[in-house]
Amino acid sequence: MSSRARRTAISVAASLMTFSLASCGVLGASDSSDDASPTKGNDITVGLLLPEKENTRYEQFDYPFFKAKVGDLTRDEGNVKYANAEASAAKQAEQLQQMVDDKVDVIVLDAVDSHAIADGVRKAKDAGIPVIAYDRLAEGPIEAYISFDNELVGEVQGRSLIEALGGDPESSEKIVMMNGSSTDPNAKQFKAGALSELNGKVTIAQSFDTKDWKPENAESNMTEAIEKIGKSQIAGVYSANDGMAGGIIKALEDAGVTDLPPITGQDAELAAVQRIVTGEQYMSVYKSYPQEAENAAEMAVARVQGRDIQFDALARDKVDSPTHKGIPAQLVPVVALTKANIEETVIAEGFYKVSDICTAKYADACAEMGLK
């Protein structure tokens, strides 16, 4: 089976598994008599370490949905100890050590630097505290991993960019690749997935690994690309996320570009959805952060409470990190977000309301596409 077919099968299986488990009362069943006797009750402390605030998802979705789910699963007796590293690997190492010192029961970790944090993960394990890698696959002895299928994300982005260029562009068409941070293992997977769709179909005239994923760094990189390639010669831009897409658009507009080339993104940030409505950004990748956060909370509580059946059901896939093989994992499916499916995705699933998107500035564009 090809890697793409395997990932498609994983996505379908994950959806069917979620339905069947929910029907049987496995998901969210903190009292399941089928599970082993809990090693701890509901009075637990779950540590949550998130990497940054530049991307609005962490404060807007991941943390609040994670915290609420832990409360639901523990009848509001459980506690979430939360820290955000604000893109500093050193700060996150200190936060992780503090949670070890505070003797939390389990840690859910979204690493700033997946390699640098490995020593902290080992110290947590030595202290008897399991660590679950969240969104980014940390190195070291982690118990499990939950994220989106990252190569599939890149494939969806690359495929969408080719579609925006007409589906069969001239191989001489020049694009710019704005990849994520070199310290983020997800960025490498996004890039690999995108290249599997782009190589041989277009010319990658410039490619950047963007420090810390920061929009201002993407803007600077794009300015450099415009100077080297020429603004009229850029047919499209692969942007690994929405924040960077904003910086890319600013650089193009500052260079006098009025007819923007198709630009990709990821995360379905509100500003990006609004740019998709106006046509400034071609697409984003919609990822259900509530689903990821809530399932991570279920994994953490199940692990601490010794509910092995529930834990195994939530982590049926396997992934390898540079330090460990066969890590139990759950890969959450993703969707390409364009003008055509805003209503069926981010609005239908309660990510945003129409009123969030269609503010006064975007009212005309919303009306034009029938979004009301």
Protein backbone atom coordinates (compact mmCIF):
# COMPACT_ATOMS: atom_id res chain seq x y z
CA MET A 1 0.00 0.00 0.00
CA SER A 2 1.34 3.49 -0.87
CA SER A 3 2.03 5.99 1.92
CA ARG A 4 -0.83 8.17 0.64
CA ALA A 5 -3.24 5.24 0.56
CA ARG A 6 -2.13 4.26 4.04
CA ARG A 7 -2.80 7.75 5.36
CA THR A 8 -6.21 7.81 3.71
CA ALA A 9 -7.00 4.48 5.31
CA ILE A 10 -5.83 5.81 8.68
CA SER A 11 -8.12 8.85 8.36
CA VAL A 12 -11.14 6.71 7.48
CA ALA A 13 -10.32 4.17 10.17
CA ALA A 14 -9.87 6.94 12.74
CA SER A 15 -13.32 8.33 11.95
CA LEU A 16 -14.94 4.90 12.09
CA MET A 17 -13.05 4.04 15.27
CA THR A 18 -14.21 7.23 16.96
CA PHE A 19 -17.84 6.45 16.04
CA SER A 20 -17.69 2.83 17.14
CA LEU A 21 -15.89 3.59 20.39
CA ALA A 22 -18.29 6.37 21.25
CA SER A 23 -21.22 4.04 20.52
CA CYS A 24 -19.78 1.44 22.84
CA GLY A 25 -19.13 3.99 25.57
CA VAL A 26 -15.35 3.69 25.47
CA LEU A 27 -14.53 7.31 24.63
CA GLY A 28 -15.15 9.55 27.60
CA ALA A 29 -16.19 6.63 29.78
CA SER A 30 -14.30 7.37 32.94
CA ASP A 31 -16.21 4.65 34.80
CA SER A 32 -15.91 1.84 32.22
CA SER A 33 -16.10 -1.51 33.98
CA ASP A 34 -14.20 -3.08 31.07
CA ASP A 35 -11.02 -1.22 31.95
CA ALA A 36 -8.48 -2.20 34.55
CA SER A 37 -8.94 -0.83 38.02
CA PRO A 38 -7.77 2.79 38.05
CA THR A 39 -4.37 3.44 39.59
CA LYS A 40 -5.59 6.94 40.51
CA GLY A 41 -9.00 8.48 41.06
CA ASN A 42 -10.38 11.70 39.63
CA ASP A 43 -8.26 13.98 41.83
CA ILE A 44 -5.35 14.18 39.38
CA THR A 45 -3.09 16.90 38.01
CA VAL A 46 -2.40 16.98 34.29
CA GLY A 47 0.45 19.14 33.04
CA LEU A 48 -0.02 20.84 29.66
CA LEU A 49 2.98 22.45 27.97
CA LEU A 50 2.26 24.40 24.78
CA PRO A 51 4.96 25.97 22.61
CA GLU A 52 3.96 29.49 21.56
CA LYS A 53 1.38 32.25 21.30
CA GLU A 54 2.14 33.57 17.79
CA ASN A 55 -0.24 30.95 16.45
CA THR A 56 -3.61 31.84 17.96
CA ARG A 57 -4.81 28.22 18.08
CA TYR A 58 -3.04 27.36 21.34
CA GLU A 59 -4.74 29.94 23.55
CA GLN A 60 -8.00 30.00 21.59
CA PHE A 61 -8.62 26.28 21.12
CA ASP A 62 -6.06 23.78 22.44
CA TYR A 63 -5.82 24.91 26.06
CA PRO A 64 -9.50 25.68 26.75
CA PHE A 65 -10.80 22.50 25.07
CA PHE A 66 -8.15 20.37 26.79
CA LYS A 67 -8.92 21.86 30.19
CA ALA A 68 -12.67 21.46 29.77
CA LYS A 69 -12.31 17.82 28.72
CA VAL A 70 -10.15 16.97 31.72
CA GLY A 71 -12.85 18.51 33.87
CA ASP A 72 -15.55 16.44 32.19
CA LEU A 73 -13.57 13.22 32.53
CA THR A 74 -12.77 13.76 36.20
CA ARG A 75 -16.12 15.23 37.29
CA ASP A 76 -14.33 18.55 37.82
CA GLU A 77 -11.99 17.04 40.39
CA GLY A 78 -8.97 17.01 38.08
CA ASN A 79 -6.65 19.98 37.63
CA VAL A 80 -4.74 21.20 34.58
CA LYS A 81 -1.41 22.89 35.25
CA TYR A 82 -0.70 24.96 32.14
CA ALA A 83 2.39 26.73 30.81
CA ASN A 84 3.21 28.29 27.44
CA ALA A 85 6.87 28.54 26.41
CA GLU A 86 6.37 31.53 24.05
CA ALA A 87 8.69 29.92 21.46
CA SER A 88 11.59 29.52 23.90
CA ALA A 89 13.08 26.01 24.16
CA ALA A 90 14.99 27.02 27.30
CA LYS A 91 11.84 28.33 28.94
CA GLN A 92 9.97 25.15 28.09
CA ALA A 93 12.72 23.01 29.60
CA GLU A 94 12.33 24.98 32.84
CA GLN A 95 8.55 24.59 32.72
CA LEU A 96 8.86 20.84 32.23
CA GLN A 97 11.30 20.54 35.12
CA GLN A 98 8.94 22.56 37.32
CA MET A 99 6.12 20.16 36.55
CA VAL A 100 8.37 17.24 37.46
CA ASP A 101 9.28 18.99 40.72
CA ASP A 102 5.59 19.63 41.39
CA LYS A 103 4.91 15.92 40.86
CA VAL A 104 2.09 16.24 38.36
CA ASP A 105 0.55 12.90 37.38
CA VAL A 106 1.05 13.13 33.60
CA ILE A 107 2.44 15.70 31.14
CA VAL A 108 1.09 16.51 27.69
CA LEU A 109 3.89 18.21 25.75
CA ASP A 110 3.91 20.21 22.51
CA ALA A 111 7.63 20.78 22.11
CA VAL A 112 9.27 24.01 20.96
CA ASP A 113 12.37 22.00 20.03
CA SER A 114 11.68 18.28 19.79
CA HIS A 115 15.35 17.32 20.15
CA ALA A 116 16.34 19.72 22.93
CA ILE A 117 13.45 18.61 25.16
CA ALA A 118 14.48 14.93 25.14
CA ASP A 119 16.51 15.20 28.34
CA GLY A 120 13.54 16.70 30.18
CA VAL A 121 11.31 13.87 28.92
CA ARG A 122 13.80 11.34 30.29
CA LYS A 123 13.82 13.09 33.68
CA ALA A 124 10.03 12.98 33.79
CA LYS A 125 10.04 9.26 33.03
CA ASP A 126 12.68 8.65 35.70
CA ALA A 127 10.36 10.44 38.14
CA GLY A 128 7.50 8.13 37.16
CA ILE A 129 5.62 10.79 35.18
CA PRO A 130 4.43 9.69 31.71
CA VAL A 131 4.79 12.21 28.89
CA ILE A 132 2.41 12.28 25.91
CA ALA A 133 3.68 14.16 22.85
CA TYR A 134 1.05 16.54 21.51
CA ASP A 135 1.00 17.90 17.95
CA ARG A 136 4.80 17.66 17.60
CA LEU A 137 6.70 14.40 18.09
CA ALA A 138 9.16 15.03 20.91
CA GLU A 139 12.25 12.88 21.26
CA GLY A 140 12.93 10.80 24.35
CA PRO A 141 10.85 8.09 26.06
CA ILE A 142 7.34 9.42 25.42
CA GLU A 143 4.34 7.22 26.19
CA ALA A 144 2.21 8.16 23.17
CA TYR A 145 1.72 10.76 20.46
CA ILE A 146 -1.33 12.54 19.09
CA SER A 147 -1.25 14.86 16.10
CA PHE A 148 -2.55 15.37 12.61
CA ASP A 149 -1.17 13.41 9.68
CA ASN A 150 1.53 15.93 8.90
CA GLU A 151 2.72 14.60 5.55
CA LEU A 152 -0.91 14.54 4.44
CA VAL A 153 -1.17 18.21 5.48
CA GLY A 154 1.74 19.05 3.16
CA GLU A 155 0.26 16.96 0.37
CA VAL A 156 -3.08 18.78 0.68
CA GLN A 157 -1.29 22.13 0.55
CA GLY A 158 0.88 21.19 -2.42
CA ARG A 159 -2.02 19.65 -4.33
CA SER A 160 -4.17 22.72 -3.69
CA LEU A 161 -1.44 25.02 -5.00
CA ILE A 162 -1.16 22.98 -8.20
CA GLU A 163 -4.95 23.14 -8.58
CA ALA A 164 -4.83 26.92 -8.12
CA LEU A 165 -2.29 27.09 -10.95
CA GLY A 166 -4.71 25.36 -13.29
CA GLY A 167 -4.06 21.72 -12.43
CA ASP A 168 -1.34 21.21 -15.03
CA PRO A 169 1.03 24.18 -14.84
CA GLU A 170 4.15 24.62 -16.94
CA SER A 171 7.10 23.15 -15.07
CA SER A 172 8.85 26.49 -15.56
CA GLU A 173 6.25 28.23 -13.36
CA LYS A 174 8.15 29.62 -10.37
CA ILE A 175 6.96 29.28 -6.80
CA VAL A 176 8.38 30.21 -3.42
CA MET A 177 8.34 27.71 -0.54
CA MET A 178 7.96 29.22 2.93
CA ASN A 179 8.48 26.30 5.28
CA GLY A 180 8.24 26.31 9.05
CA SER A 181 10.94 26.27 11.71
CA SER A 182 13.83 23.86 11.27
CA THR A 183 13.51 22.86 14.95
CA ASP A 184 9.93 21.65 14.48
CA PRO A 185 9.67 18.04 13.24
CA ASN A 186 6.20 18.78 11.88
CA ALA A 187 7.67 21.40 9.53
CA LYS A 188 9.91 18.75 7.97
CA GLN A 189 6.89 16.50 7.40
CA PHE A 190 4.80 19.32 5.93
CA LYS A 191 7.66 20.10 3.55
CA ALA A 192 8.11 16.46 2.54
CA GLY A 193 4.41 16.09 1.82
CA ALA A 194 4.29 19.32 -0.19
CA LEU A 195 7.36 18.39 -2.23
CA SER A 196 5.77 15.06 -3.15
CA GLU A 197 3.09 17.09 -4.96
CA LEU A 198 5.22 19.97 -6.26
CA ASN A 199 8.43 18.34 -7.51
CA GLY A 200 8.48 18.03 -11.28
CA LYS A 201 5.32 20.10 -11.73
CA VAL A 202 6.69 23.58 -10.94
CA THR A 203 10.05 25.23 -10.37
CA ILE A 204 10.84 25.97 -6.74
CA ALA A 205 12.74 29.19 -7.25
CA GLN A 206 13.34 29.96 -3.56
CA SER A 207 12.83 27.89 -0.40
CA PHE A 208 13.14 29.05 3.20
CA ASP A 209 13.01 27.44 6.64
CA THR A 210 11.40 30.22 8.66
CA LYS A 211 12.84 30.82 12.11
CA ASP A 212 10.26 30.28 14.87
CA TRP A 213 7.43 30.30 12.33
CA LYS A 214 7.21 34.08 12.84
CA PRO A 215 5.21 36.12 10.29
CA GLU A 216 7.80 38.90 10.35
CA ASN A 217 10.52 36.40 9.41
CA ALA A 218 8.36 35.07 6.59
CA GLU A 219 7.82 38.65 5.42
CA SER A 220 11.58 39.25 5.37
CA ASN A 221 12.19 35.99 3.50
CA MET A 222 9.51 36.86 0.95
CA THR A 223 11.01 40.29 0.39
CA GLU A 224 14.31 38.58 -0.38
CA ALA A 225 12.58 36.17 -2.78
CA ILE A 226 10.85 39.04 -4.61
CA GLU A 227 14.18 40.80 -5.08
CA LYS A 228 15.85 37.66 -6.47
CA ILE A 229 13.02 36.31 -8.63
CA GLY A 230 11.08 39.42 -9.58
CA LYS A 231 7.55 40.10 -8.38
CA SER A 232 5.96 39.38 -11.77
CA GLN A 233 7.68 35.99 -12.02
CA ILE A 234 6.19 34.44 -8.87
CA ALA A 235 3.29 32.18 -9.88
CA GLY A 236 2.44 30.95 -6.41
CA VAL A 237 3.61 30.67 -2.81
CA TYR A 238 3.60 27.59 -0.62
CA SER A 239 3.18 28.87 2.93
CA ALA A 240 3.25 26.20 5.63
CA ASN A 241 0.84 28.11 7.88
CA ASP A 242 -1.55 31.03 8.02
CA GLY A 243 0.55 33.30 10.19
CA MET A 244 3.37 33.23 7.67
CA ALA A 245 0.88 33.68 4.82
CA GLY A 246 -0.02 37.03 6.39
CA GLY A 247 3.63 38.11 6.34
CA ILE A 248 4.02 36.90 2.74
CA ILE A 249 1.00 38.91 1.60
CA LYS A 250 2.35 42.02 3.31
CA ALA A 251 5.70 41.64 1.51
CA LEU A 252 3.97 41.22 -1.85
CA GLU A 253 1.69 44.21 -1.31
CA ASP A 254 4.61 46.35 -0.13
CA ALA A 255 6.37 45.42 -3.39
CA GLY A 256 3.40 46.76 -5.32
CA VAL A 257 1.73 43.46 -6.23
CA THR A 258 -2.02 44.05 -6.66
CA ASP A 259 -2.99 40.72 -8.26
CA LEU A 260 -1.76 38.29 -5.61
CA PRO A 261 -0.61 34.80 -6.65
CA PRO A 262 -2.27 31.80 -4.95
CA ILE A 263 -0.95 31.38 -1.42
CA THR A 264 -1.49 28.36 0.82
CA GLY A 265 -1.75 28.20 4.60
CA GLN A 266 -2.64 26.01 7.55
CA ASP A 267 -4.57 26.33 10.83
CA ALA A 268 -7.75 28.09 9.62
CA GLU A 269 -6.93 31.19 11.66
CA LEU A 270 -9.73 33.75 11.57
CA ALA A 271 -7.61 36.29 9.68
CA ALA A 272 -6.77 33.61 7.11
CA VAL A 273 -10.42 32.62 6.66
CA GLN A 274 -11.19 36.29 6.04
CA ARG A 275 -8.36 36.48 3.50
CA ILE A 276 -9.78 33.41 1.76
CA VAL A 277 -13.15 35.17 1.57
CA THR A 278 -11.53 38.20 -0.11
CA GLY A 279 -9.30 36.08 -2.34
CA GLU A 280 -6.01 37.28 -0.85
CA GLN A 281 -5.20 33.74 0.33
CA TYR A 282 -6.16 30.70 -1.73
CA MET A 283 -6.54 28.06 0.98
CA SER A 284 -5.78 26.90 4.47
CA VAL A 285 -5.81 23.49 6.12
CA TYR A 286 -8.63 22.99 8.59
CA LYS A 287 -7.62 20.83 11.50
CA SER A 288 -10.06 20.07 14.29
CA TYR A 289 -8.09 21.36 17.28
CA PRO A 290 -11.00 20.64 19.63
CA GLN A 291 -10.90 16.98 18.56
CA GLU A 292 -7.13 16.80 18.96
CA ALA A 293 -7.18 18.52 22.36
CA GLU A 294 -10.07 16.50 23.73
CA ASN A 295 -8.59 13.18 22.56
CA ALA A 296 -5.24 14.14 24.11
CA ALA A 297 -7.04 14.82 27.40
CA GLU A 298 -8.69 11.40 27.16
CA MET A 299 -5.32 9.75 26.56
CA ALA A 300 -3.74 11.53 29.52
CA VAL A 301 -6.53 10.71 31.98
CA ALA A 302 -6.79 7.11 30.76
CA ARG A 303 -3.02 6.64 31.18
CA VAL A 304 -2.97 8.00 34.72
CA GLN A 305 -6.05 6.08 35.80
CA GLY A 306 -4.75 2.80 34.42
CA ARG A 307 -7.53 2.42 31.85
CA ASP A 308 -5.50 0.43 29.38
CA ILE A 309 -8.34 -0.55 27.05
CA GLN A 310 -9.36 3.07 26.56
CA PHE A 311 -5.75 4.22 26.18
CA ASP A 312 -4.96 1.54 23.58
CA ALA A 313 -8.16 2.36 21.67
CA LEU A 314 -7.09 6.00 21.44
CA ALA A 315 -3.56 5.21 20.21
CA ARG A 316 -3.88 2.45 17.62
CA ASP A 317 -1.33 3.78 15.13
CA LYS A 318 2.45 3.57 15.49
CA VAL A 319 5.09 6.21 14.74
CA ASP A 320 8.87 6.40 15.08
CA SER A 321 10.90 9.27 16.52
CA PRO A 322 14.69 9.64 16.10
CA THR A 323 15.11 8.01 19.53
CA HIS A 324 12.24 5.54 19.85
CA LYS A 325 10.34 3.18 17.55
CA GLY A 326 6.75 1.95 17.58
CA ILE A 327 5.30 4.78 19.67
CA PRO A 328 1.51 4.39 20.16
CA ALA A 329 -0.16 7.21 18.23
CA GLN A 330 -3.38 8.74 16.99
CA LEU A 331 -3.35 10.66 13.69
CA VAL A 332 -6.29 13.03 13.24
CA PRO A 333 -7.55 13.71 9.68
CA VAL A 334 -7.45 17.14 7.95
CA VAL A 335 -9.45 19.05 5.30
CA ALA A 336 -8.43 21.61 2.63
CA LEU A 337 -10.28 24.85 3.39
CA THR A 338 -11.23 27.09 0.44
CA LYS A 339 -14.02 29.50 -0.43
CA ALA A 340 -16.08 26.52 -1.54
CA ASN A 341 -16.36 24.82 1.86
CA ILE A 342 -16.15 27.48 4.56
CA GLU A 343 -19.78 26.89 5.53
CA GLU A 344 -19.40 23.10 5.64
CA THR A 345 -16.25 23.18 7.79
CA VAL A 346 -15.34 25.98 10.17
CA ILE A 347 -18.90 27.30 10.47
CA ALA A 348 -20.77 23.98 10.56
CA GLU A 349 -18.39 22.62 13.21
CA GLY A 350 -18.66 25.73 15.39
CA PHE A 351 -15.06 26.86 14.87
CA TYR A 352 -16.36 30.33 13.93
CA LYS A 353 -19.71 32.02 13.50
CA VAL A 354 -20.55 33.88 10.29
CA SER A 355 -20.52 37.07 12.37
CA ASP A 356 -16.90 36.37 13.37
CA ILE A 357 -15.84 36.17 9.73
CA CYS A 358 -18.15 38.67 8.08
CA THR A 359 -17.32 41.84 9.98
CA ALA A 360 -17.95 45.22 8.33
CA LYS A 361 -14.65 45.09 6.44
CA TYR A 362 -15.57 41.76 4.84
CA ALA A 363 -19.35 42.20 4.48
CA ASP A 364 -19.29 42.79 0.71
CA ALA A 365 -17.00 39.84 0.02
CA CYS A 366 -19.14 37.60 2.23
CA ALA A 367 -22.32 38.72 0.46
CA GLU A 368 -20.73 38.06 -2.92
CA MET A 369 -20.08 34.43 -2.01
CA GLY A 370 -23.44 34.02 -0.24
CA LEU A 371 -22.00 33.72 3.24
CA LYS A 372 -24.62 35.03 5.66
